[in-house]
Amino acid sequence: MKYWWILFVLSAASIRTLAQPTFGLVAFYSFDDDADSILVDKTGNFSNNGFSNALIRDCGVVGDAIRFNGNDQFARFGSSPVKNIFGTEDFSISFYFKAFNSNVVNTQTILSKRDNCSIDNAFAVRFSPLTKNINLLVSEDASLSTILSAPVDDKKCWHHVAVVRKGTIITLFVDGLSVQQDFKNTRIDISSDNLPLLVGPSSCLATDGPFEGFLDELLLYDRALTDDEVASIYLRPDQIGNGFIELGFPKDTILFLGNSFSTFITGTCADEAVWSPFTGVSDPTSAVTTITPEVTTTYTLQLTDNFNCTATDQILVTVIDPADLECKAFLPNAFTPDGDGRNDEFGIDNPYVMTDFISLEVFDRWGNRMFFSDDPFLRWDGSFRGALINPGVLLFKVRYRCGGEEKIQSGSLTVLR
């Protein structure tokens, strides 16, 4: 796997371990076993190992991904634990895919557990390259079935798909978010013990072509994942890491005029990167660079891989001139000193305004002083006498002068873990 930010290489495995729910996990196929026809179940249950005649591996979301040629290549998973997921009980299935369409077909079957074109006890996830739509079929027979369809973001190369059944509700997730849902009065029975789960072959020769592209990180659960769990599995490949709030919200950050920030990128297979506009970007052809904007700007990053797939992401950088601000200290009301590199420290967010700064103090509920600084740029890491403090509510007090007049601000601060 190629990463622009080398630190991501060191943390990729731990990120996957932390993000991936393990309760109810029946099988996990990472496809990281180079050019091997045996697809190893990474949960350690070797009876779940699959078989594939697709032997090419290349850069994936994490490690390698398996490539299918859109003709005769397949992956087969036929163990009883895997097949038994597809019955009447709750289940979840999750995977990433990157599709090509050199054969110019209207629809490709990505994975399925289905007799050719049958709607009896059938399951299939299909992709329409021309319309960029994911299609889900979950069917017991002609009288009881669910068909869900949703578009994927054409500004992305990798897409994450999850299918979750909870009771009589079937939900389709795309890129970590619930996009379509169907309710039935009774559970749909998709039991078909004689059929394996297949990746690659067409599930209906009359309408679908085989899958052409890459598949990665296939997860099978015998329970319904929550929305938050599905979101945690989605690793946001090919995206700007700065300014992320949560899925579905645009990325943004705030800088004071004259400041800069270093970009970091989630996992990517890209060989080329281009930032636009170029203004304020130290190296517009490197995904990892330094940006020093003079005015509020929306920056766009294009990442192109060696298959000529281009992923696009954006971040809004709001630039504030300290001279335009009132003489007032801005402080967060909570922080998380857990060492994850995000919101780990507490301090003044607009230190440039504090031209005549006196002090920042933090007290516990009994009035004991936990932190003191007479430097507006110094931030507190949440430690006291060499140890991190416990979660709870603290008090802070800021003293500074504006126009020769001393001002005092105080408030509460919540320490989270």
Protein backbone atom coordinates (compact mmCIF):
# COMPACT_ATOMS: atom_id res chain seq x y z
CA MET A 1 0.00 0.00 0.00
CA LYS A 2 1.33 3.41 -0.91
CA TYR A 3 0.82 6.31 1.51
CA TRP A 4 1.78 9.94 1.05
CA TRP A 5 2.02 10.37 4.80
CA ILE A 6 4.56 7.84 6.05
CA LEU A 7 3.19 7.90 9.59
CA PHE A 8 -0.04 6.42 8.26
CA VAL A 9 1.91 3.32 7.23
CA LEU A 10 2.95 2.79 10.81
CA SER A 11 -0.56 3.26 12.16
CA ALA A 12 -2.68 1.61 9.43
CA ALA A 13 -2.83 -1.79 11.11
CA SER A 14 -3.73 -0.32 14.48
CA ILE A 15 -6.39 1.89 12.90
CA ARG A 16 -8.01 -1.14 11.29
CA THR A 17 -7.89 -3.06 14.59
CA LEU A 18 -9.47 -0.21 16.50
CA ALA A 19 -12.12 0.60 13.91
CA GLN A 20 -13.26 -2.91 13.07
CA PRO A 21 -15.91 -4.35 15.43
CA THR A 22 -15.06 -7.94 16.39
CA PHE A 23 -18.20 -9.07 18.23
CA GLY A 24 -20.20 -11.33 15.94
CA LEU A 25 -17.48 -11.35 13.28
CA VAL A 26 -17.77 -14.65 11.42
CA ALA A 27 -15.15 -14.10 8.73
CA PHE A 28 -12.70 -11.42 7.60
CA TYR A 29 -10.85 -11.49 4.29
CA SER A 30 -8.13 -8.85 3.88
CA PHE A 31 -6.78 -10.21 0.55
CA ASP A 32 -3.25 -9.36 1.68
CA ASP A 33 -1.87 -12.84 0.90
CA ASP A 34 0.16 -12.16 -2.22
CA ALA A 35 -0.83 -14.14 -5.34
CA ASP A 36 -2.43 -16.93 -3.31
CA SER A 37 -5.46 -18.88 -4.49
CA ILE A 38 -6.40 -19.60 -0.87
CA LEU A 39 -8.25 -16.65 0.68
CA VAL A 40 -7.47 -16.80 4.38
CA ASP A 41 -10.07 -15.93 7.01
CA LYS A 42 -8.15 -13.55 9.27
CA THR A 43 -10.30 -14.46 12.27
CA GLY A 44 -8.28 -17.68 12.40
CA ASN A 45 -11.10 -20.03 11.39
CA PHE A 46 -9.36 -21.79 8.52
CA SER A 47 -12.51 -23.75 7.68
CA ASN A 48 -13.82 -20.44 6.33
CA ASN A 49 -10.93 -20.05 3.90
CA GLY A 50 -12.09 -19.25 0.39
CA PHE A 51 -10.70 -20.06 -3.04
CA SER A 52 -10.02 -17.78 -5.99
CA ASN A 53 -8.52 -18.01 -9.46
CA ALA A 54 -7.86 -14.25 -9.33
CA LEU A 55 -4.20 -14.09 -8.35
CA ILE A 56 -3.37 -10.43 -8.92
CA ARG A 57 -3.06 -8.22 -5.86
CA ASP A 58 -2.45 -4.48 -5.89
CA CYS A 59 -2.76 -1.43 -3.68
CA GLY A 60 -5.89 -1.57 -1.54
CA VAL A 61 -7.61 0.42 1.17
CA VAL A 62 -5.46 -1.37 3.76
CA GLY A 63 -2.58 -3.45 2.46
CA ASP A 64 -3.48 -5.19 -0.80
CA ALA A 65 -6.76 -5.74 -2.63
CA ILE A 66 -7.76 -8.58 -4.96
CA ARG A 67 -8.31 -7.78 -8.64
CA PHE A 68 -10.96 -9.33 -10.90
CA ASN A 69 -10.65 -9.15 -14.69
CA GLY A 70 -14.34 -8.85 -15.56
CA ASN A 71 -14.34 -12.16 -17.43
CA ASP A 72 -13.81 -15.52 -15.75
CA GLN A 73 -12.25 -14.70 -12.39
CA PHE A 74 -14.01 -15.40 -9.11
CA ALA A 75 -13.65 -15.82 -5.37
CA ARG A 76 -15.72 -18.54 -3.68
CA PHE A 77 -16.61 -18.79 0.01
CA GLY A 78 -18.52 -21.98 0.76
CA SER A 79 -18.07 -22.82 4.43
CA SER A 80 -21.15 -23.47 6.55
CA PRO A 81 -20.54 -20.49 8.89
CA VAL A 82 -20.39 -18.14 5.89
CA LYS A 83 -23.40 -19.65 4.11
CA ASN A 84 -25.45 -19.74 7.31
CA ILE A 85 -25.26 -15.96 7.63
CA PHE A 86 -27.65 -15.78 4.69
CA GLY A 87 -30.85 -17.13 6.21
CA THR A 88 -33.53 -15.39 8.24
CA GLU A 89 -31.46 -13.99 11.12
CA ASP A 90 -29.69 -10.65 11.52
CA PHE A 91 -26.47 -10.21 9.57
CA SER A 92 -24.05 -7.59 8.25
CA ILE A 93 -21.68 -7.65 5.30
CA SER A 94 -19.09 -4.97 4.55
CA PHE A 95 -16.52 -4.46 1.79
CA TYR A 96 -14.69 -1.91 -0.35
CA PHE A 97 -14.61 -1.93 -4.13
CA LYS A 98 -13.04 0.01 -6.98
CA ALA A 99 -14.69 -0.76 -10.32
CA PHE A 100 -13.49 -0.57 -13.92
CA ASN A 101 -15.59 -1.09 -17.03
CA SER A 102 -13.41 -1.95 -20.03
CA ASN A 103 -16.12 -4.36 -21.21
CA VAL A 104 -18.67 -1.50 -21.19
CA VAL A 105 -21.46 -3.36 -19.42
CA ASN A 106 -24.49 -1.68 -17.88
CA THR A 107 -24.35 -3.65 -14.63
CA GLN A 108 -21.75 -5.77 -12.85
CA THR A 109 -22.39 -8.28 -10.08
CA ILE A 110 -19.89 -7.57 -7.31
CA LEU A 111 -20.90 -10.39 -4.99
CA SER A 112 -23.86 -12.72 -4.76
CA LYS A 113 -25.41 -15.85 -3.32
CA ARG A 114 -27.92 -16.58 -6.04
CA ASP A 115 -28.89 -19.02 -8.78
CA ASN A 116 -28.64 -17.50 -12.25
CA CYS A 117 -31.27 -14.71 -12.45
CA SER A 118 -33.37 -16.35 -9.72
CA ILE A 119 -35.30 -14.29 -7.19
CA ASP A 120 -35.84 -17.29 -4.91
CA ASN A 121 -33.67 -17.11 -1.76
CA ALA A 122 -31.37 -14.68 -3.52
CA PHE A 123 -28.80 -12.13 -2.38
CA ALA A 124 -26.77 -9.91 -4.71
CA VAL A 125 -24.87 -6.62 -4.62
CA ARG A 126 -24.53 -5.11 -8.08
CA PHE A 127 -22.93 -1.98 -9.53
CA SER A 128 -23.92 0.05 -12.58
CA PRO A 129 -20.75 1.78 -13.87
CA LEU A 130 -22.63 4.03 -16.28
CA THR A 131 -25.05 5.44 -13.71
CA LYS A 132 -22.72 5.00 -10.70
CA ASN A 133 -25.41 3.19 -8.72
CA ILE A 134 -25.17 0.40 -6.16
CA ASN A 135 -28.05 -2.07 -6.34
CA LEU A 136 -29.01 -4.55 -3.60
CA LEU A 137 -31.28 -7.56 -4.04
CA VAL A 138 -32.53 -9.50 -1.01
CA SER A 139 -35.32 -11.84 -2.07
CA GLU A 140 -37.23 -14.85 -0.76
CA ASP A 141 -39.53 -15.10 -3.78
CA ALA A 142 -41.63 -12.92 -6.09
CA SER A 143 -43.93 -11.94 -3.24
CA LEU A 144 -41.29 -11.03 -0.63
CA SER A 145 -38.17 -9.14 -1.66
CA THR A 146 -36.21 -5.94 -1.19
CA ILE A 147 -34.49 -4.01 -3.95
CA LEU A 148 -32.49 -0.97 -2.89
CA SER A 149 -30.48 1.37 -5.09
CA ALA A 150 -28.30 4.38 -4.32
CA PRO A 151 -25.70 6.46 -6.17
CA VAL A 152 -22.04 6.47 -5.20
CA ASP A 153 -19.88 9.58 -5.18
CA ASP A 154 -18.18 9.81 -8.56
CA LYS A 155 -15.43 11.92 -6.97
CA LYS A 156 -14.15 8.82 -5.18
CA CYS A 157 -12.23 5.80 -6.47
CA TRP A 158 -12.86 3.43 -3.56
CA HIS A 159 -16.38 2.91 -2.26
CA HIS A 160 -17.42 1.23 0.96
CA VAL A 161 -20.64 -0.79 0.95
CA ALA A 162 -22.38 -2.37 3.92
CA VAL A 163 -25.63 -4.31 4.06
CA VAL A 164 -27.28 -4.73 7.46
CA ARG A 165 -30.38 -6.71 8.35
CA LYS A 166 -31.91 -6.07 11.76
CA GLY A 167 -35.20 -7.86 12.26
CA THR A 168 -37.36 -7.04 9.26
CA ILE A 169 -35.35 -3.93 8.34
CA ILE A 170 -32.69 -4.04 5.63
CA THR A 171 -30.33 -1.07 5.33
CA LEU A 172 -27.87 -0.20 2.59
CA PHE A 173 -24.84 1.88 3.57
CA VAL A 174 -22.51 3.65 1.15
CA ASP A 175 -19.25 5.20 2.35
CA GLY A 176 -20.21 4.89 6.00
CA LEU A 177 -23.69 6.43 5.76
CA SER A 178 -27.16 4.87 5.63
CA VAL A 179 -28.57 5.70 2.20
CA GLN A 180 -31.55 3.37 1.68
CA GLN A 181 -33.73 1.25 3.94
CA ASP A 182 -36.68 -1.11 3.55
CA PHE A 183 -39.16 -2.46 6.10
CA LYS A 184 -41.07 -5.71 5.77
CA ASN A 185 -43.75 -7.31 7.93
CA THR A 186 -41.75 -10.52 8.08
CA ARG A 187 -38.14 -11.57 7.66
CA ILE A 188 -36.97 -12.40 4.16
CA ASP A 189 -35.61 -15.95 3.95
CA ILE A 190 -32.49 -16.04 1.76
CA SER A 191 -31.39 -19.52 2.82
CA SER A 192 -29.69 -21.40 0.00
CA ASP A 193 -27.33 -23.88 1.63
CA ASN A 194 -26.18 -25.35 -1.67
CA LEU A 195 -24.90 -22.00 -2.96
CA PRO A 196 -21.58 -20.40 -1.97
CA LEU A 197 -20.99 -16.69 -1.61
CA LEU A 198 -19.31 -15.57 -4.83
CA VAL A 199 -17.34 -12.47 -5.75
CA GLY A 200 -16.86 -11.73 -9.43
CA PRO A 201 -19.23 -13.89 -11.52
CA SER A 202 -22.46 -12.52 -12.93
CA SER A 203 -25.52 -13.40 -10.86
CA CYS A 204 -27.75 -13.03 -13.92
CA LEU A 205 -26.19 -13.59 -17.33
CA ALA A 206 -29.16 -11.95 -19.05
CA THR A 207 -28.56 -8.58 -17.37
CA ASP A 208 -25.20 -8.48 -15.57
CA GLY A 209 -21.59 -8.75 -16.53
CA PRO A 210 -18.89 -10.06 -14.18
CA PHE A 211 -17.21 -7.69 -11.76
CA GLU A 212 -14.13 -5.88 -13.05
CA GLY A 213 -12.01 -4.10 -10.49
CA PHE A 214 -10.68 -4.45 -6.96
CA LEU A 215 -12.30 -5.74 -3.78
CA ASP A 216 -10.88 -5.28 -0.29
CA GLU A 217 -11.63 -5.82 3.41
CA LEU A 218 -14.58 -8.23 3.20
CA LEU A 219 -16.28 -8.61 6.60
CA LEU A 220 -19.16 -10.95 7.49
CA TYR A 221 -21.12 -10.70 10.76
CA ASP A 222 -23.91 -12.80 12.23
CA ARG A 223 -25.47 -9.73 13.84
CA ALA A 224 -26.68 -6.28 12.83
CA LEU A 225 -24.02 -3.60 13.07
CA THR A 226 -25.10 -0.21 14.37
CA ASP A 227 -24.83 2.93 12.26
CA ASP A 228 -21.84 4.03 14.35
CA GLU A 229 -20.10 0.69 13.84
CA VAL A 230 -20.55 0.89 10.08
CA ALA A 231 -19.16 4.43 10.14
CA SER A 232 -16.16 3.22 12.16
CA ILE A 233 -15.31 0.62 9.52
CA TYR A 234 -15.19 3.27 6.80
CA LEU A 235 -11.57 4.47 6.67
CA ARG A 236 -12.19 7.36 4.22
CA PRO A 237 -9.53 6.45 1.62
CA ASP A 238 -8.14 9.15 -0.68
CA GLN A 239 -9.23 12.03 1.52
CA ILE A 240 -7.76 15.07 3.23
CA GLY A 241 -7.31 14.22 6.89
CA ASN A 242 -7.38 17.80 8.18
CA GLY A 243 -10.64 19.41 9.21
CA PHE A 244 -12.69 16.21 9.43
CA ILE A 245 -15.75 16.58 11.68
CA GLU A 246 -17.95 13.62 10.87
CA LEU A 247 -19.28 11.80 7.83
CA GLY A 248 -21.60 13.91 5.71
CA PHE A 249 -20.12 17.24 6.80
CA PRO A 250 -17.63 19.30 4.75
CA LYS A 251 -14.09 19.62 6.06
CA ASP A 252 -13.04 23.01 7.39
CA THR A 253 -10.45 24.62 9.58
CA ILE A 254 -9.64 28.12 10.84
CA LEU A 255 -6.29 29.93 10.74
CA PHE A 256 -5.12 33.32 11.84
CA LEU A 257 -3.56 35.41 9.11
CA GLY A 258 0.12 34.52 8.72
CA ASN A 259 -0.26 31.00 10.08
CA SER A 260 0.06 27.77 8.11
CA PHE A 261 -0.89 24.12 8.51
CA SER A 262 0.58 20.86 7.26
CA THR A 263 -1.77 18.59 5.37
CA PHE A 264 -2.11 14.89 6.02
CA ILE A 265 -3.90 12.33 3.89
CA THR A 266 -5.75 9.12 4.66
CA GLY A 267 -4.57 5.95 2.92
CA THR A 268 -4.27 6.34 -0.83
CA CYS A 269 -3.05 4.43 -3.86
CA ALA A 270 -2.43 7.64 -5.79
CA ASP A 271 0.75 8.29 -7.74
CA GLU A 272 -0.06 11.91 -8.55
CA ALA A 273 -1.48 14.78 -6.52
CA VAL A 274 -2.56 18.28 -7.49
CA TRP A 275 -3.80 21.06 -5.21
CA SER A 276 -5.85 23.96 -6.49
CA PRO A 277 -5.68 26.86 -6.23
CA PHE A 278 -1.88 26.91 -6.04
CA THR A 279 -1.81 30.14 -4.01
CA GLY A 280 -0.35 29.58 -0.57
CA VAL A 281 0.54 25.91 -1.22
CA SER A 282 4.25 25.19 -0.76
CA ASP A 283 4.20 22.17 -3.11
CA PRO A 284 1.01 21.91 -5.19
CA THR A 285 2.03 18.48 -6.56
CA SER A 286 2.45 16.78 -3.18
CA ALA A 287 -0.51 15.56 -1.15
CA VAL A 288 1.47 16.26 2.01
CA THR A 289 2.40 19.91 1.93
CA THR A 290 2.17 23.19 3.85
CA ILE A 291 -0.62 25.65 3.15
CA THR A 292 -0.42 29.34 4.13
CA PRO A 293 -3.54 31.10 2.85
CA GLU A 294 -3.89 34.87 2.89
CA VAL A 295 -7.67 34.85 2.46
CA THR A 296 -10.44 32.36 3.15
CA THR A 297 -10.05 29.65 0.50
CA THR A 298 -11.56 26.32 -0.47
CA TYR A 299 -8.68 24.04 -1.48
CA THR A 300 -9.27 21.07 -3.77
CA LEU A 301 -7.00 18.02 -3.86
CA GLN A 302 -7.02 15.59 -6.78
CA LEU A 303 -5.37 12.20 -6.29
CA THR A 304 -4.81 10.03 -9.37
CA ASP A 305 -3.69 6.39 -9.28
CA ASN A 306 -1.95 4.30 -11.94
CA PHE A 307 -5.33 3.08 -13.23
CA ASN A 308 -6.19 6.69 -14.11
CA CYS A 309 -8.84 6.92 -11.40
CA THR A 310 -9.00 10.37 -9.81
CA ALA A 311 -10.40 11.02 -6.35
CA THR A 312 -11.25 14.57 -5.35
CA ASP A 313 -11.59 16.11 -1.89
CA GLN A 314 -11.90 19.63 -0.51
CA ILE A 315 -11.26 21.63 2.64
CA LEU A 316 -12.44 25.13 3.50
CA VAL A 317 -9.78 27.21 5.25
CA THR A 318 -11.18 30.29 6.96
CA VAL A 319 -8.55 33.00 7.51
CA ILE A 320 -9.03 35.47 10.35
CA ASP A 321 -7.05 38.68 10.73
CA PRO A 322 -6.39 39.23 14.47
CA ALA A 323 -6.64 42.98 13.91
CA ASP A 324 -10.29 42.53 13.03
CA LEU A 325 -11.11 40.67 16.24
CA GLU A 326 -12.33 42.05 19.52
CA CYS A 327 -9.93 41.81 22.43
CA LYS A 328 -11.33 38.62 23.90
CA ALA A 329 -9.86 35.20 24.62
CA PHE A 330 -11.43 32.20 22.91
CA LEU A 331 -11.09 28.85 24.65
CA PRO A 332 -12.71 25.45 24.07
CA ASN A 333 -15.15 24.15 26.66
CA ALA A 334 -13.84 20.57 26.41
CA PHE A 335 -10.76 18.61 25.35
CA THR A 336 -9.63 14.98 25.16
CA PRO A 337 -6.05 14.47 26.40
CA ASP A 338 -5.83 10.88 25.16
CA GLY A 339 -2.77 11.13 22.91
CA ASP A 340 -4.57 10.53 19.62
CA GLY A 341 -3.31 13.80 18.15
CA ARG A 342 -6.74 15.42 18.07
CA ASN A 343 -7.98 17.96 20.61
CA ASP A 344 -5.33 16.75 23.07
CA GLU A 345 -4.49 20.16 24.56
CA PHE A 346 -6.30 23.07 26.17
CA GLY A 347 -5.36 26.69 25.66
CA ILE A 348 -6.22 29.98 24.04
CA ASP A 349 -7.33 29.56 20.45
CA ASN A 350 -6.60 33.16 19.44
CA PRO A 351 -3.27 33.93 21.15
CA TYR A 352 -2.36 36.58 18.57
CA VAL A 353 -5.09 38.80 20.00
CA MET A 354 -3.53 38.61 23.46
CA THR A 355 -0.91 41.35 23.00
CA ASP A 356 -0.91 42.16 26.74
CA PHE A 357 -1.45 38.76 28.32
CA ILE A 358 -1.22 38.15 32.07
CA SER A 359 -2.11 34.51 32.79
CA LEU A 360 -4.18 31.39 32.14
CA GLU A 361 -5.03 29.20 35.14
CA VAL A 362 -6.96 25.94 35.49
CA PHE A 363 -8.42 24.79 38.83
CA ASP A 364 -10.12 21.62 40.02
CA ARG A 365 -13.49 21.71 41.78
CA TRP A 366 -11.79 22.23 45.16
CA GLY A 367 -9.82 25.25 43.98
CA ASN A 368 -6.46 23.52 43.55
CA ARG A 369 -4.49 25.02 40.69
CA MET A 370 -3.75 22.37 38.05
CA PHE A 371 -2.11 24.58 35.42
CA PHE A 372 -0.61 28.06 35.08
CA SER A 373 0.91 29.92 32.14
CA ASP A 374 1.84 33.51 31.40
CA ASP A 375 2.41 32.66 27.73
CA PRO A 376 -0.76 32.85 25.56
CA PHE A 377 0.74 30.31 23.14
CA LEU A 378 1.41 27.65 25.76
CA ARG A 379 -1.21 24.89 25.93
CA TRP A 380 -2.01 22.41 28.69
CA ASP A 381 -1.72 18.67 28.00
CA GLY A 382 -4.12 17.65 30.79
CA SER A 383 -1.43 16.42 33.18
CA PHE A 384 -0.81 17.35 36.81
CA ARG A 385 2.38 16.39 38.62
CA GLY A 386 3.38 14.11 35.77
CA ALA A 387 0.11 12.17 35.41
CA LEU A 388 -2.98 12.70 33.30
CA ILE A 389 -5.93 13.89 35.32
CA ASN A 390 -9.22 12.00 35.44
CA PRO A 391 -12.22 13.04 33.34
CA GLY A 392 -14.40 15.68 34.94
CA VAL A 393 -15.28 19.36 35.07
CA LEU A 394 -12.64 22.00 35.86
CA LEU A 395 -12.60 25.80 36.03
CA PHE A 396 -10.37 28.19 34.10
CA LYS A 397 -9.49 31.86 34.52
CA VAL A 398 -7.82 34.13 31.96
CA ARG A 399 -6.36 37.55 32.78
CA TYR A 400 -5.24 40.04 30.15
CA ARG A 401 -5.24 43.78 29.38
CA CYS A 402 -7.06 45.58 26.62
CA GLY A 403 -6.33 49.27 26.16
CA GLY A 404 -4.67 49.35 29.56
CA GLU A 405 -7.74 47.88 31.29
CA GLU A 406 -7.37 44.50 32.98
CA LYS A 407 -9.99 41.93 32.00
CA ILE A 408 -10.84 38.56 33.53
CA GLN A 409 -12.63 35.68 31.82
CA SER A 410 -13.65 32.50 33.60
CA GLY A 411 -15.65 29.42 32.78
CA SER A 412 -15.92 25.65 33.00
CA LEU A 413 -13.85 23.08 31.14
CA THR A 414 -14.76 19.42 30.63
CA VAL A 415 -12.02 16.80 30.40
CA LEU A 416 -13.10 13.82 28.27
CA ARG A 417 -11.48 10.49 27.44
